[in-house]
Amino acid sequence: MITARIQLDEYSNKVLNVIKAKYDLKDKSEAINKFVEIYGDDVVEKEPKEEYIKKVLEIIDEDRKKYGHKKMSLAELDSLCGV
């Protein structure tokens, strides 16, 4: 956990108070974290969870066992996409 001392303008303070009340949070620190949770994906992508990565790798392995390293032609890709 990182500790930070911040200065807020009036508008930012009002926004945090509304978030704090809306989500029944204890303090403005929780309100800031909630705000980042809601809007942070617009700026920075979250790191994928390890379970998600493992699942994707399993799917890739299954696909390679079934189809090998066969490459798809552009015509096959176009027909698959309905172009």
Protein backbone atom coordinates (compact mmCIF):
# COMPACT_ATOMS: atom_id res chain seq x y z
CA MET A 1 0.00 0.00 0.00
CA ILE A 2 1.28 3.45 -0.92
CA THR A 3 0.62 6.47 1.25
CA ALA A 4 0.26 9.87 -0.39
CA ARG A 5 -0.60 13.32 0.83
CA ILE A 6 -2.63 15.19 -1.77
CA GLN A 7 -4.27 18.57 -2.22
CA LEU A 8 -7.70 18.67 -3.82
CA ASP A 9 -9.53 21.54 -5.44
CA GLU A 10 -13.18 22.11 -4.53
CA TYR A 11 -14.59 20.20 -7.50
CA SER A 12 -12.38 17.14 -6.91
CA ASN A 13 -13.37 17.18 -3.26
CA LYS A 14 -17.09 17.24 -4.21
CA VAL A 15 -16.63 14.36 -6.67
CA LEU A 16 -14.86 12.26 -4.05
CA ASN A 17 -17.57 13.03 -1.50
CA VAL A 18 -20.26 11.90 -3.95
CA ILE A 19 -18.37 8.66 -4.72
CA LYS A 20 -17.82 8.11 -1.01
CA ALA A 21 -21.54 8.51 -0.30
CA LYS A 22 -22.74 6.59 -3.36
CA TYR A 23 -20.67 3.49 -2.59
CA ASP A 24 -20.88 3.83 1.23
CA LEU A 25 -17.12 4.13 1.66
CA LYS A 26 -15.29 4.99 4.87
CA ASP A 27 -12.99 7.74 3.64
CA LYS A 28 -11.70 9.65 0.64
CA SER A 29 -8.86 7.20 0.21
CA GLU A 30 -11.39 4.47 -0.56
CA ALA A 31 -13.24 6.92 -2.82
CA ILE A 32 -10.06 7.57 -4.81
CA ASN A 33 -9.44 3.84 -5.15
CA LYS A 34 -13.06 3.31 -6.30
CA PHE A 35 -12.75 6.14 -8.83
CA VAL A 36 -9.57 4.58 -10.23
CA GLU A 37 -11.23 1.16 -10.32
CA ILE A 38 -14.13 2.58 -12.35
CA TYR A 39 -12.25 4.88 -14.73
CA GLY A 40 -8.66 3.62 -14.66
CA ASP A 41 -9.10 1.19 -17.57
CA ASP A 42 -9.57 4.18 -19.87
CA VAL A 43 -5.98 5.23 -19.15
CA VAL A 44 -4.03 2.10 -18.12
CA GLU A 45 -4.85 -1.52 -18.86
CA LYS A 46 -4.89 -3.86 -15.89
CA GLU A 47 -2.47 -6.75 -15.73
CA PRO A 48 -4.16 -10.02 -16.67
CA LYS A 49 -4.64 -12.55 -13.91
CA GLU A 50 -2.40 -15.61 -13.94
CA GLU A 51 -5.44 -17.92 -14.32
CA TYR A 52 -6.46 -16.08 -17.49
CA ILE A 53 -2.99 -16.43 -19.01
CA LYS A 54 -2.91 -20.16 -18.16
CA LYS A 55 -6.33 -20.66 -19.77
CA VAL A 56 -5.24 -18.87 -22.97
CA LEU A 57 -2.08 -20.97 -23.14
CA GLU A 58 -4.14 -24.16 -22.69
CA ILE A 59 -6.42 -23.12 -25.57
CA ILE A 60 -3.40 -22.43 -27.77
CA ASP A 61 -1.87 -25.83 -26.90
CA GLU A 62 -5.15 -27.62 -27.70
CA ASP A 63 -5.40 -25.79 -31.01
CA ARG A 64 -1.83 -26.71 -31.95
CA LYS A 65 -2.43 -30.36 -31.07
CA LYS A 66 -5.53 -30.38 -33.24
CA TYR A 67 -4.30 -28.30 -36.19
CA GLY A 68 -0.51 -28.17 -35.81
CA HIS A 69 1.19 -25.04 -37.05
CA LYS A 70 -0.99 -24.77 -40.14
CA LYS A 71 -1.24 -21.26 -41.52
CA MET A 72 -4.51 -19.84 -42.79
CA SER A 73 -4.61 -18.26 -46.23
CA LEU A 74 -6.13 -14.83 -46.74
CA ALA A 75 -8.97 -16.40 -48.71
CA GLU A 76 -9.75 -18.77 -45.80
CA LEU A 77 -9.65 -15.86 -43.36
CA ASP A 78 -11.94 -13.78 -45.60
CA SER A 79 -14.46 -16.62 -45.87
CA LEU A 80 -14.33 -17.18 -42.11
CA CYS A 81 -15.05 -13.48 -41.52
CA GLY A 82 -17.77 -13.38 -44.16
CA VAL A 83 -15.95 -10.99 -46.49
